[in-house]
C-alpha atoms as a PDB file:
ATOM      1  CA  UNK A   1       0.000   0.000   0.000  1.00  0.00           C
ATOM      2  CA  UNK A   2       1.416   3.372  -1.064  1.00  0.00           C
ATOM      3  CA  UNK A   3       0.792   6.570   0.859  1.00  0.00           C
ATOM      4  CA  UNK A   4      -1.997   8.892  -0.302  1.00  0.00           C
ATOM      5  CA  UNK A   5      -2.594  12.484   0.784  1.00  0.00           C
ATOM      6  CA  UNK A   6      -6.298  12.935   0.003  1.00  0.00           C
ATOM      7  CA  UNK A   7      -6.658  16.556   1.094  1.00  0.00           C
ATOM      8  CA  UNK A   8      -4.350  17.814  -1.687  1.00  0.00           C
ATOM      9  CA  UNK A   9      -6.124  15.963  -4.508  1.00  0.00           C
ATOM     10  CA  UNK A  10      -7.940  18.714  -6.488  1.00  0.00           C
ATOM     11  CA  UNK A  11     -11.620  19.044  -5.631  1.00  0.00           C
ATOM     12  CA  UNK A  12     -12.569  19.116  -9.328  1.00  0.00           C
ATOM     13  CA  UNK A  13     -11.180  15.594  -9.736  1.00  0.00           C
ATOM     14  CA  UNK A  14     -12.716  14.339  -6.497  1.00  0.00           C
ATOM     15  CA  UNK A  15     -16.114  15.464  -7.756  1.00  0.00           C
ATOM     16  CA  UNK A  16     -15.997  13.098 -10.747  1.00  0.00           C
ATOM     17  CA  UNK A  17     -17.453   9.583 -10.680  1.00  0.00           C
ATOM     18  CA  UNK A  18     -14.314   8.258 -12.399  1.00  0.00           C
ATOM     19  CA  UNK A  19     -12.303   6.593  -9.637  1.00  0.00           C
ATOM     20  CA  UNK A  20     -10.890   3.110  -9.343  1.00  0.00           C
ATOM     21  CA  UNK A  21      -8.438   1.359  -7.063  1.00  0.00           C
ATOM     22  CA  UNK A  22      -5.355  -0.505  -8.230  1.00  0.00           C
ATOM     23  CA  UNK A  23      -2.981  -3.217  -7.143  1.00  0.00           C
ATOM     24  CA  UNK A  24       0.323  -4.566  -8.393  1.00  0.00           C
ATOM     25  CA  UNK A  25       0.439  -7.866 -10.252  1.00  0.00           C
ATOM     26  CA  UNK A  26       3.456  -9.603 -11.755  1.00  0.00           C
ATOM     27  CA  UNK A  27       3.191 -10.365 -15.452  1.00  0.00           C
ATOM     28  CA  UNK A  28       5.271 -12.760 -17.510  1.00  0.00           C
ATOM     29  CA  UNK A  29       7.950 -10.972 -19.488  1.00  0.00           C
ATOM     30  CA  UNK A  30       7.727  -7.746 -17.497  1.00  0.00           C
ATOM     31  CA  UNK A  31      10.565  -6.496 -15.319  1.00  0.00           C
ATOM     32  CA  UNK A  32       8.270  -4.800 -12.811  1.00  0.00           C
ATOM     33  CA  UNK A  33       4.712  -5.468 -11.599  1.00  0.00           C
ATOM     34  CA  UNK A  34       1.811  -3.986 -13.544  1.00  0.00           C
ATOM     35  CA  UNK A  35      -0.575  -1.557 -11.854  1.00  0.00           C
ATOM     36  CA  UNK A  36      -3.920  -3.219 -12.512  1.00  0.00           C
ATOM     37  CA  UNK A  37      -7.180  -1.193 -12.111  1.00  0.00           C
ATOM     38  CA  UNK A  38      -9.609  -2.647  -9.585  1.00  0.00           C
ATOM     39  CA  UNK A  39     -13.330  -2.068  -9.120  1.00  0.00           C
ATOM     40  CA  UNK A  40     -13.585  -0.658  -5.570  1.00  0.00           C
ATOM     41  CA  UNK A  41     -17.065  -2.115  -5.122  1.00  0.00           C
ATOM     42  CA  UNK A  42     -16.343  -5.711  -6.106  1.00  0.00           C
ATOM     43  CA  UNK A  43     -12.585  -6.197  -5.868  1.00  0.00           C
ATOM     44  CA  UNK A  44     -12.555  -7.537  -9.427  1.00  0.00           C
ATOM     45  CA  UNK A  45     -10.785  -5.946 -12.375  1.00  0.00           C
ATOM     46  CA  UNK A  46     -11.974  -2.523 -13.485  1.00  0.00           C
ATOM     47  CA  UNK A  47     -11.987  -1.330 -17.085  1.00  0.00           C
ATOM     48  CA  UNK A  48     -11.291   2.149 -18.415  1.00  0.00           C
ATOM     49  CA  UNK A  49     -14.056   1.460 -20.955  1.00  0.00           C
ATOM     50  CA  UNK A  50     -16.697   0.429 -18.418  1.00  0.00           C
ATOM     51  CA  UNK A  51     -18.035   3.177 -16.121  1.00  0.00           C
ATOM     52  CA  UNK A  52     -19.931   0.581 -14.101  1.00  0.00           C
ATOM     53  CA  UNK A  53     -16.550  -0.407 -12.626  1.00  0.00           C
ATOM     54  CA  UNK A  54     -15.783   3.145 -11.419  1.00  0.00           C
ATOM     55  CA  UNK A  55     -16.943   4.968  -8.318  1.00  0.00           C
ATOM     56  CA  UNK A  56     -16.493   8.151  -6.300  1.00  0.00           C
ATOM     57  CA  UNK A  57     -13.219   9.291  -4.795  1.00  0.00           C
ATOM     58  CA  UNK A  58     -14.587   8.765  -1.287  1.00  0.00           C
ATOM     59  CA  UNK A  59     -15.588   5.175  -2.020  1.00  0.00           C
ATOM     60  CA  UNK A  60     -12.279   4.375  -3.724  1.00  0.00           C
ATOM     61  CA  UNK A  61     -10.311   5.906  -0.853  1.00  0.00           C
ATOM     62  CA  UNK A  62     -12.335   3.944   1.693  1.00  0.00           C
ATOM     63  CA  UNK A  63     -11.574   0.707  -0.146  1.00  0.00           C
ATOM     64  CA  UNK A  64      -7.892   1.668  -0.221  1.00  0.00           C
ATOM     65  CA  UNK A  65      -7.931   2.163   3.560  1.00  0.00           C
ATOM     66  CA  UNK A  66      -9.808  -1.055   4.334  1.00  0.00           C
ATOM     67  CA  UNK A  67      -8.543  -3.552   1.743  1.00  0.00           C
ATOM     68  CA  UNK A  68      -4.924  -4.659   2.212  1.00  0.00           C
ATOM     69  CA  UNK A  69      -4.777  -6.037  -1.332  1.00  0.00           C
ATOM     70  CA  UNK A  70      -5.309  -2.555  -2.776  1.00  0.00           C
ATOM     71  CA  UNK A  71      -2.219  -0.379  -3.265  1.00  0.00           C
ATOM     72  CA  UNK A  72      -3.831   2.934  -4.194  1.00  0.00           C
ATOM     73  CA  UNK A  73      -6.508   4.842  -6.096  1.00  0.00           C
ATOM     74  CA  UNK A  74      -6.657   6.082  -9.662  1.00  0.00           C
ATOM     75  CA  UNK A  75      -8.543   8.497 -11.919  1.00  0.00           C
ATOM     76  CA  UNK A  76      -9.995   7.392 -15.281  1.00  0.00           C
ATOM     77  CA  UNK A  77      -9.785   9.745 -18.281  1.00  0.00           C
ATOM     78  CA  UNK A  78     -12.757   9.668 -20.663  1.00  0.00           C
ATOM     79  CA  UNK A  79     -13.496  11.235 -24.072  1.00  0.00           C
ATOM     80  CA  UNK A  80     -16.243  13.344 -22.510  1.00  0.00           C
ATOM     81  CA  UNK A  81     -14.352  15.049 -19.699  1.00  0.00           C
ATOM     82  CA  UNK A  82     -11.951  18.008 -20.139  1.00  0.00           C
ATOM     83  CA  UNK A  83      -8.991  16.393 -18.380  1.00  0.00           C
ATOM     84  CA  UNK A  84      -5.622  15.426 -19.809  1.00  0.00           C
ATOM     85  CA  UNK A  85      -2.778  13.756 -17.951  1.00  0.00           C
ATOM     86  CA  UNK A  86       0.967  13.944 -18.572  1.00  0.00           C
ATOM     87  CA  UNK A  87       2.850  10.902 -17.284  1.00  0.00           C
ATOM     88  CA  UNK A  88       6.591  11.554 -16.985  1.00  0.00           C
ATOM     89  CA  UNK A  89       8.682   8.536 -15.994  1.00  0.00           C
ATOM     90  CA  UNK A  90      12.141   8.078 -14.472  1.00  0.00           C
ATOM     91  CA  UNK A  91      12.596  11.793 -13.960  1.00  0.00           C
ATOM     92  CA  UNK A  92      12.594  12.430 -10.207  1.00  0.00           C
ATOM     93  CA  UNK A  93      14.973  11.592  -7.385  1.00  0.00           C
ATOM     94  CA  UNK A  94      12.678  10.092  -4.720  1.00  0.00           C
ATOM     95  CA  UNK A  95      15.104  11.010  -1.939  1.00  0.00           C
ATOM     96  CA  UNK A  96      15.602  14.679  -2.808  1.00  0.00           C
ATOM     97  CA  UNK A  97      12.577  15.410  -5.012  1.00  0.00           C
ATOM     98  CA  UNK A  98      14.863  16.891  -7.670  1.00  0.00           C
ATOM     99  CA  UNK A  99      13.452  16.773 -11.199  1.00  0.00           C
ATOM    100  CA  UNK A 100      15.371  16.139 -14.393  1.00  0.00           C
ATOM    101  CA  UNK A 101      15.822  19.291 -16.463  1.00  0.00           C
ATOM    102  CA  UNK A 102      13.499  18.120 -19.242  1.00  0.00           C
ATOM    103  CA  UNK A 103      10.816  17.301 -16.680  1.00  0.00           C
ATOM    104  CA  UNK A 104      11.103  20.668 -14.967  1.00  0.00           C
ATOM    105  CA  UNK A 105      10.597  22.321 -18.352  1.00  0.00           C
ATOM    106  CA  UNK A 106       7.366  20.389 -19.001  1.00  0.00           C
ATOM    107  CA  UNK A 107       6.025  20.950 -15.483  1.00  0.00           C
ATOM    108  CA  UNK A 108       6.678  24.685 -15.678  1.00  0.00           C
ATOM    109  CA  UNK A 109       5.077  25.024 -19.103  1.00  0.00           C
ATOM    110  CA  UNK A 110       1.949  23.098 -18.142  1.00  0.00           C
ATOM    111  CA  UNK A 111       1.685  25.061 -14.887  1.00  0.00           C
ATOM    112  CA  UNK A 112      -1.050  22.903 -13.334  1.00  0.00           C
ATOM    113  CA  UNK A 113      -1.527  20.429 -10.503  1.00  0.00           C
ATOM    114  CA  UNK A 114       1.487  18.095 -10.350  1.00  0.00           C
ATOM    115  CA  UNK A 115       2.173  15.183  -8.018  1.00  0.00           C
ATOM    116  CA  UNK A 116       4.753  12.476  -7.471  1.00  0.00           C
ATOM    117  CA  UNK A 117       4.028   8.957  -8.719  1.00  0.00           C
ATOM    118  CA  UNK A 118       3.590   6.101  -6.211  1.00  0.00           C
ATOM    119  CA  UNK A 119       7.267   5.130  -6.515  1.00  0.00           C
ATOM    120  CA  UNK A 120       8.399   8.744  -6.306  1.00  0.00           C
ATOM    121  CA  UNK A 121      10.512   8.371  -9.451  1.00  0.00           C
ATOM    122  CA  UNK A 122       7.975   9.935 -11.823  1.00  0.00           C
ATOM    123  CA  UNK A 123       5.411  12.735 -11.869  1.00  0.00           C
ATOM    124  CA  UNK A 124       1.873  13.222 -13.134  1.00  0.00           C
ATOM    125  CA  UNK A 125       0.586  16.584 -14.352  1.00  0.00           C
ATOM    126  CA  UNK A 126      -3.203  17.009 -14.586  1.00  0.00           C
ATOM    127  CA  UNK A 127      -4.633  19.742 -16.817  1.00  0.00           C
ATOM    128  CA  UNK A 128      -7.799  20.725 -18.675  1.00  0.00           C
ATOM    129  CA  UNK A 129      -7.675  21.214 -22.408  1.00  0.00           C
ATOM    130  CA  UNK A 130      -8.065  19.917 -25.939  1.00  0.00           C
ATOM    131  CA  UNK A 131      -5.648  17.102 -26.693  1.00  0.00           C
ATOM    132  CA  UNK A 132      -4.202  17.115 -30.234  1.00  0.00           C
ATOM    133  CA  UNK A 133      -4.906  14.125 -32.465  1.00  0.00           C
ATOM    134  CA  UNK A 134      -1.947  11.846 -32.893  1.00  0.00           C
ATOM    135  CA  UNK A 135       0.507   9.853 -30.833  1.00  0.00           C
ATOM    136  CA  UNK A 136       0.254   9.606 -27.071  1.00  0.00           C
ATOM    137  CA  UNK A 137       3.636   8.194 -26.109  1.00  0.00           C
ATOM    138  CA  UNK A 138       7.311   8.651 -26.816  1.00  0.00           C
ATOM    139  CA  UNK A 139       9.841   7.207 -24.391  1.00  0.00           C
ATOM    140  CA  UNK A 140       9.312   8.604 -20.895  1.00  0.00           C
ATOM    141  CA  UNK A 141       6.678  11.135 -22.006  1.00  0.00           C
ATOM    142  CA  UNK A 142       3.024  10.089 -22.243  1.00  0.00           C
ATOM    143  CA  UNK A 143      -0.060  12.271 -22.716  1.00  0.00           C
ATOM    144  CA  UNK A 144      -3.580  10.866 -22.442  1.00  0.00           C
ATOM    145  CA  UNK A 145      -7.109  12.250 -22.437  1.00  0.00           C
ATOM    146  CA  UNK A 146      -9.067   8.972 -22.617  1.00  0.00           C
ATOM    147  CA  UNK A 147      -8.964   5.202 -22.201  1.00  0.00           C
ATOM    148  CA  UNK A 148      -6.344   5.350 -19.449  1.00  0.00           C
ATOM    149  CA  UNK A 149      -6.285   5.753 -15.723  1.00  0.00           C
ATOM    150  CA  UNK A 150      -3.602   7.492 -13.674  1.00  0.00           C
ATOM    151  CA  UNK A 151      -2.585   6.502 -10.195  1.00  0.00           C
ATOM    152  CA  UNK A 152      -3.266   9.424  -7.845  1.00  0.00           C
ATOM    153  CA  UNK A 153      -1.221   9.978  -4.687  1.00  0.00           C
ATOM    154  CA  UNK A 154      -2.009  13.542  -3.632  1.00  0.00           C
ATOM    155  CA  UNK A 155       1.727  14.023  -3.085  1.00  0.00           C
ATOM    156  CA  UNK A 156       1.567  17.517  -4.501  1.00  0.00           C
ATOM    157  CA  UNK A 157       4.813  19.038  -5.764  1.00  0.00           C
ATOM    158  CA  UNK A 158       5.487  22.364  -4.125  1.00  0.00           C
ATOM    159  CA  UNK A 159       5.718  25.398  -6.412  1.00  0.00           C
ATOM    160  CA  UNK A 160       3.085  23.909  -8.740  1.00  0.00           C
ATOM    161  CA  UNK A 161      -0.561  25.063  -8.668  1.00  0.00           C
ATOM    162  CA  UNK A 162      -2.954  23.179  -6.369  1.00  0.00           C
ATOM    163  CA  UNK A 163      -5.647  23.319  -9.068  1.00  0.00           C
ATOM    164  CA  UNK A 164      -6.209  21.686 -12.466  1.00  0.00           C
ATOM    165  CA  UNK A 165      -5.803  24.505 -14.986  1.00  0.00           C
ATOM    166  CA  UNK A 166      -6.797  25.024 -18.618  1.00  0.00           C
ATOM    167  CA  UNK A 167      -3.625  24.491 -20.660  1.00  0.00           C
ATOM    168  CA  UNK A 168      -4.694  23.725 -24.232  1.00  0.00           C
ATOM    169  CA  UNK A 169      -1.983  25.799 -25.919  1.00  0.00           C
ATOM    170  CA  UNK A 170       0.954  24.384 -23.911  1.00  0.00           C
ATOM    171  CA  UNK A 171      -0.469  20.880 -24.480  1.00  0.00           C
ATOM    172  CA  UNK A 172      -0.422  21.428 -28.220  1.00  0.00           C
ATOM    173  CA  UNK A 173       3.131  22.771 -28.112  1.00  0.00           C
ATOM    174  CA  UNK A 174       4.405  19.890 -25.984  1.00  0.00           C
ATOM    175  CA  UNK A 175       2.656  17.314 -28.153  1.00  0.00           C
ATOM    176  CA  UNK A 176       4.309  18.771 -31.243  1.00  0.00           C
ATOM    177  CA  UNK A 177       7.723  18.919 -29.571  1.00  0.00           C
ATOM    178  CA  UNK A 178       7.839  15.609 -27.734  1.00  0.00           C
ATOM    179  CA  UNK A 179       5.446  13.323 -29.619  1.00  0.00           C
ATOM    180  CA  UNK A 180       4.419  14.444 -33.087  1.00  0.00           C
ATOM    181  CA  UNK A 181       7.951  15.263 -34.207  1.00  0.00           C
ATOM    182  CA  UNK A 182       9.157  11.699 -33.576  1.00  0.00           C
ATOM    183  CA  UNK A 183       7.845   8.759 -35.584  1.00  0.00           C
ATOM    184  CA  UNK A 184      10.047   6.034 -34.209  1.00  0.00           C
ATOM    185  CA  UNK A 185       8.481   5.261 -30.844  1.00  0.00           C
ATOM    186  CA  UNK A 186       6.771   2.086 -31.940  1.00  0.00           C
ATOM    187  CA  UNK A 187       3.244   3.459 -32.395  1.00  0.00           C
ATOM    188  CA  UNK A 188       1.430   1.520 -35.091  1.00  0.00           C
ATOM    189  CA  UNK A 189       0.340   3.515 -38.138  1.00  0.00           C
ATOM    190  CA  UNK A 190      -2.725   2.505 -40.131  1.00  0.00           C
ATOM    191  CA  UNK A 191      -1.053   3.646 -43.319  1.00  0.00           C
ATOM    192  CA  UNK A 192       1.510   0.845 -43.237  1.00  0.00           C
ATOM    193  CA  UNK A 193      -0.724  -1.874 -41.837  1.00  0.00           C
ATOM    194  CA  UNK A 194       0.368  -1.601 -38.233  1.00  0.00           C
ATOM    195  CA  UNK A 195      -0.118  -5.304 -37.549  1.00  0.00           C
ATOM    196  CA  UNK A 196       0.594  -8.853 -38.764  1.00  0.00           C
ATOM    197  CA  UNK A 197       0.476  -9.214 -42.539  1.00  0.00           C
ATOM    198  CA  UNK A 198      -2.392 -11.726 -42.463  1.00  0.00           C
ATOM    199  CA  UNK A 199      -5.300 -11.615 -40.058  1.00  0.00           C
ATOM    200  CA  UNK A 200      -5.958 -14.996 -38.372  1.00  0.00           C
ATOM    201  CA  UNK A 201      -9.647 -15.082 -39.371  1.00  0.00           C
ATOM    202  CA  UNK A 202     -11.771 -14.033 -42.313  1.00  0.00           C
ATOM    203  CA  UNK A 203     -14.449 -11.476 -41.438  1.00  0.00           C
ATOM    204  CA  UNK A 204     -17.340 -13.966 -41.392  1.00  0.00           C
ATOM    205  CA  UNK A 205     -15.414 -16.500 -39.306  1.00  0.00           C
ATOM    206  CA  UNK A 206     -14.282 -13.803 -36.913  1.00  0.00           C
ATOM    207  CA  UNK A 207     -17.852 -12.699 -36.240  1.00  0.00           C
ATOM    208  CA  UNK A 208     -18.937 -16.282 -35.614  1.00  0.00           C
ATOM    209  CA  UNK A 209     -16.075 -16.879 -33.156  1.00  0.00           C
ATOM    210  CA  UNK A 210     -16.599 -13.570 -31.366  1.00  0.00           C
ATOM    211  CA  UNK A 211     -20.350 -14.038 -30.973  1.00  0.00           C
ATOM    212  CA  UNK A 212     -19.899 -17.532 -29.533  1.00  0.00           C
ATOM    213  CA  UNK A 213     -17.044 -16.680 -27.163  1.00  0.00           C
ATOM    214  CA  UNK A 214     -17.474 -16.414 -23.379  1.00  0.00           C
ATOM    215  CA  UNK A 215     -17.940 -12.633 -23.772  1.00  0.00           C
ATOM    216  CA  UNK A 216     -20.054 -13.065 -26.892  1.00  0.00           C
ATOM    217  CA  UNK A 217     -23.072 -11.356 -25.347  1.00  0.00           C
ATOM    218  CA  UNK A 218     -21.032  -8.177 -24.812  1.00  0.00           C
ATOM    219  CA  UNK A 219     -19.707  -8.351 -28.370  1.00  0.00           C
ATOM    220  CA  UNK A 220     -23.230  -8.892 -29.720  1.00  0.00           C
ATOM    221  CA  UNK A 221     -24.617  -5.834 -27.892  1.00  0.00           C
ATOM    222  CA  UNK A 222     -21.844  -3.583 -29.165  1.00  0.00           C
ATOM    223  CA  UNK A 223     -21.988  -5.034 -32.674  1.00  0.00           C
ATOM    224  CA  UNK A 224     -25.711  -4.229 -32.795  1.00  0.00           C
ATOM    225  CA  UNK A 225     -24.989  -0.650 -31.669  1.00  0.00           C
ATOM    226  CA  UNK A 226     -26.173  -0.929 -28.063  1.00  0.00           C
ATOM    227  CA  UNK A 227     -24.271   1.638 -25.970  1.00  0.00           C
ATOM    228  CA  UNK A 228     -26.066   0.840 -22.686  1.00  0.00           C
ATOM    229  CA  UNK A 229     -23.636   0.748 -19.764  1.00  0.00           C
ATOM    230  CA  UNK A 230     -21.169   3.148 -21.357  1.00  0.00           C
ATOM    231  CA  UNK A 231     -20.832   6.784 -20.370  1.00  0.00           C
ATOM    232  CA  UNK A 232     -20.619   7.848 -24.017  1.00  0.00           C
ATOM    233  CA  UNK A 233     -20.825   6.534 -27.558  1.00  0.00           C
ATOM    234  CA  UNK A 234     -17.054   7.040 -27.834  1.00  0.00           C
ATOM    235  CA  UNK A 235     -16.426   4.622 -24.968  1.00  0.00           C
ATOM    236  CA  UNK A 236     -18.641   2.041 -26.658  1.00  0.00           C
ATOM    237  CA  UNK A 237     -16.621   2.566 -29.863  1.00  0.00           C
ATOM    238  CA  UNK A 238     -13.435   1.880 -27.923  1.00  0.00           C
ATOM    239  CA  UNK A 239     -14.892  -1.211 -26.259  1.00  0.00           C
ATOM    240  CA  UNK A 240     -15.843  -2.781 -29.602  1.00  0.00           C
ATOM    241  CA  UNK A 241     -12.443  -1.953 -31.106  1.00  0.00           C
ATOM    242  CA  UNK A 242     -10.780  -3.545 -28.068  1.00  0.00           C
ATOM    243  CA  UNK A 243     -12.648  -6.786 -28.741  1.00  0.00           C
ATOM    244  CA  UNK A 244     -11.912  -6.625 -32.461  1.00  0.00           C
ATOM    245  CA  UNK A 245      -8.209  -6.083 -31.770  1.00  0.00           C
ATOM    246  CA  UNK A 246      -8.028  -9.504 -30.109  1.00  0.00           C
ATOM    247  CA  UNK A 247      -9.894 -11.413 -32.801  1.00  0.00           C
ATOM    248  CA  UNK A 248      -8.146  -9.709 -35.727  1.00  0.00           C
ATOM    249  CA  UNK A 249      -4.691 -10.387 -34.329  1.00  0.00           C
ATOM    250  CA  UNK A 250      -4.101  -6.634 -34.173  1.00  0.00           C
ATOM    251  CA  UNK A 251      -4.880  -6.012 -37.848  1.00  0.00           C
ATOM    252  CA  UNK A 252      -5.757  -2.297 -37.975  1.00  0.00           C
ATOM    253  CA  UNK A 253      -7.339  -2.480 -41.423  1.00  0.00           C
ATOM    254  CA  UNK A 254      -9.601  -5.381 -40.493  1.00  0.00           C
ATOM    255  CA  UNK A 255     -10.672  -3.604 -37.290  1.00  0.00           C
ATOM    256  CA  UNK A 256     -11.581  -0.504 -39.298  1.00  0.00           C
ATOM    257  CA  UNK A 257     -13.409  -2.523 -41.945  1.00  0.00           C
ATOM    258  CA  UNK A 258     -15.434  -4.548 -39.437  1.00  0.00           C
ATOM    259  CA  UNK A 259     -16.294  -1.610 -37.204  1.00  0.00           C
ATOM    260  CA  UNK A 260     -17.685   0.194 -40.244  1.00  0.00           C
ATOM    261  CA  UNK A 261     -20.177  -2.673 -40.640  1.00  0.00           C
ATOM    262  CA  UNK A 262     -21.311  -2.521 -37.003  1.00  0.00           C
ATOM    263  CA  UNK A 263     -24.332  -0.825 -35.489  1.00  0.00           C
ATOM    264  CA  UNK A 264     -22.057   1.713 -33.797  1.00  0.00           C
ATOM    265  CA  UNK A 265     -21.111   3.365 -37.084  1.00  0.00           C
ATOM    266  CA  UNK A 266     -21.873   7.122 -37.119  1.00  0.00           C
ATOM    267  CA  UNK A 267     -20.653  10.345 -38.694  1.00  0.00           C
ATOM    268  CA  UNK A 268     -17.894  10.852 -36.113  1.00  0.00           C
ATOM    269  CA  UNK A 269     -16.328   7.544 -37.180  1.00  0.00           C
ATOM    270  CA  UNK A 270     -16.792   8.215 -40.900  1.00  0.00           C
ATOM    271  CA  UNK A 271     -15.726  11.855 -40.967  1.00  0.00           C
ATOM    272  CA  UNK A 272     -12.868  12.000 -38.443  1.00  0.00           C
ATOM    273  CA  UNK A 273      -9.931   9.845 -39.589  1.00  0.00           C
ATOM    274  CA  UNK A 274      -7.817  10.892 -36.608  1.00  0.00           C
ATOM    275  CA  UNK A 275     -10.536   9.677 -34.249  1.00  0.00           C
ATOM    276  CA  UNK A 276     -10.701   6.319 -36.062  1.00  0.00           C
ATOM    277  CA  UNK A 277      -6.934   6.009 -36.074  1.00  0.00           C
ATOM    278  CA  UNK A 278      -6.477   6.840 -32.399  1.00  0.00           C
ATOM    279  CA  UNK A 279      -9.299   4.540 -31.267  1.00  0.00           C
ATOM    280  CA  UNK A 280      -7.885   1.618 -33.269  1.00  0.00           C
ATOM    281  CA  UNK A 281      -4.295   2.251 -32.174  1.00  0.00           C
ATOM    282  CA  UNK A 282      -5.386   2.355 -28.533  1.00  0.00           C
ATOM    283  CA  UNK A 283      -7.184  -0.968 -28.946  1.00  0.00           C
ATOM    284  CA  UNK A 284      -4.139  -2.622 -30.491  1.00  0.00           C
ATOM    285  CA  UNK A 285      -1.602  -1.220 -28.025  1.00  0.00           C
ATOM    286  CA  UNK A 286      -3.756  -2.165 -25.007  1.00  0.00           C
ATOM    287  CA  UNK A 287      -4.553  -5.711 -26.135  1.00  0.00           C
ATOM    288  CA  UNK A 288      -2.631  -8.074 -23.801  1.00  0.00           C
ATOM    289  CA  UNK A 289      -2.746 -10.963 -26.276  1.00  0.00           C
ATOM    290  CA  UNK A 290      -4.047 -11.642 -29.770  1.00  0.00           C
ATOM    291  CA  UNK A 291      -6.131 -14.578 -30.988  1.00  0.00           C
ATOM    292  CA  UNK A 292      -3.936 -17.425 -32.212  1.00  0.00           C
ATOM    293  CA  UNK A 293      -5.748 -20.144 -34.193  1.00  0.00           C
ATOM    294  CA  UNK A 294      -3.001 -22.619 -33.300  1.00  0.00           C
ATOM    295  CA  UNK A 295      -3.734 -22.284 -29.585  1.00  0.00           C
END
């Protein structure tokens, strides 16, 4: 269990019904444990695409205090809220609190609520603003406005504002400088396929497998365009793409083609290529494993 200072967590964030808990779990092939989101009400896994697994800050903090298996609390970013988070890794001396020069530059330019990560070796900056379309990650710099959760410690960094401020212009500048300018960070591009050369299943076979899987009822609802249980249509879009990412083996083109045949199709998907691209890339990058017909 990591320490949390609840009184310094900004009131605007506490007021949102977008809180989860988290715990550390070891994963094969990973050097350090993963921080897995947990539903504070049930103790089972939470999902950044399922608002039914989120709760209030007070409820999440109570679970953190009472459940020894929980390490901390976290805030979920959604397409419909104004919040954006900057996750800066391996940039802070946990003993002295000294920041790396590049980190200090970002923190000063964003000029909003900033706190230390649970380990103390990184920082999170929370702002309000419009996030530019495009990549979200490059090395130790990550920027997210949806489909992610951030651990929240309340370990506020002195000399930074105690409030979450509107920083759209600095966000755009930092995105251009740290993310958009570099194309070699491993993000998959739809233009060059972004996935295995051959999808494991033809479209018709994929739909049959997906509809008859253990989570086939969920797939069926989304495929038919049912957004019940999701805070927004965009979150339902992401949930269907997440399922398609598994069955397509991470084939971006097949995901796009199949989604366009689903009941969720709408003008936002048709008319905003950056929205399509980002939703599909998020689904592929977040998929823990792809369907393998040999296993």
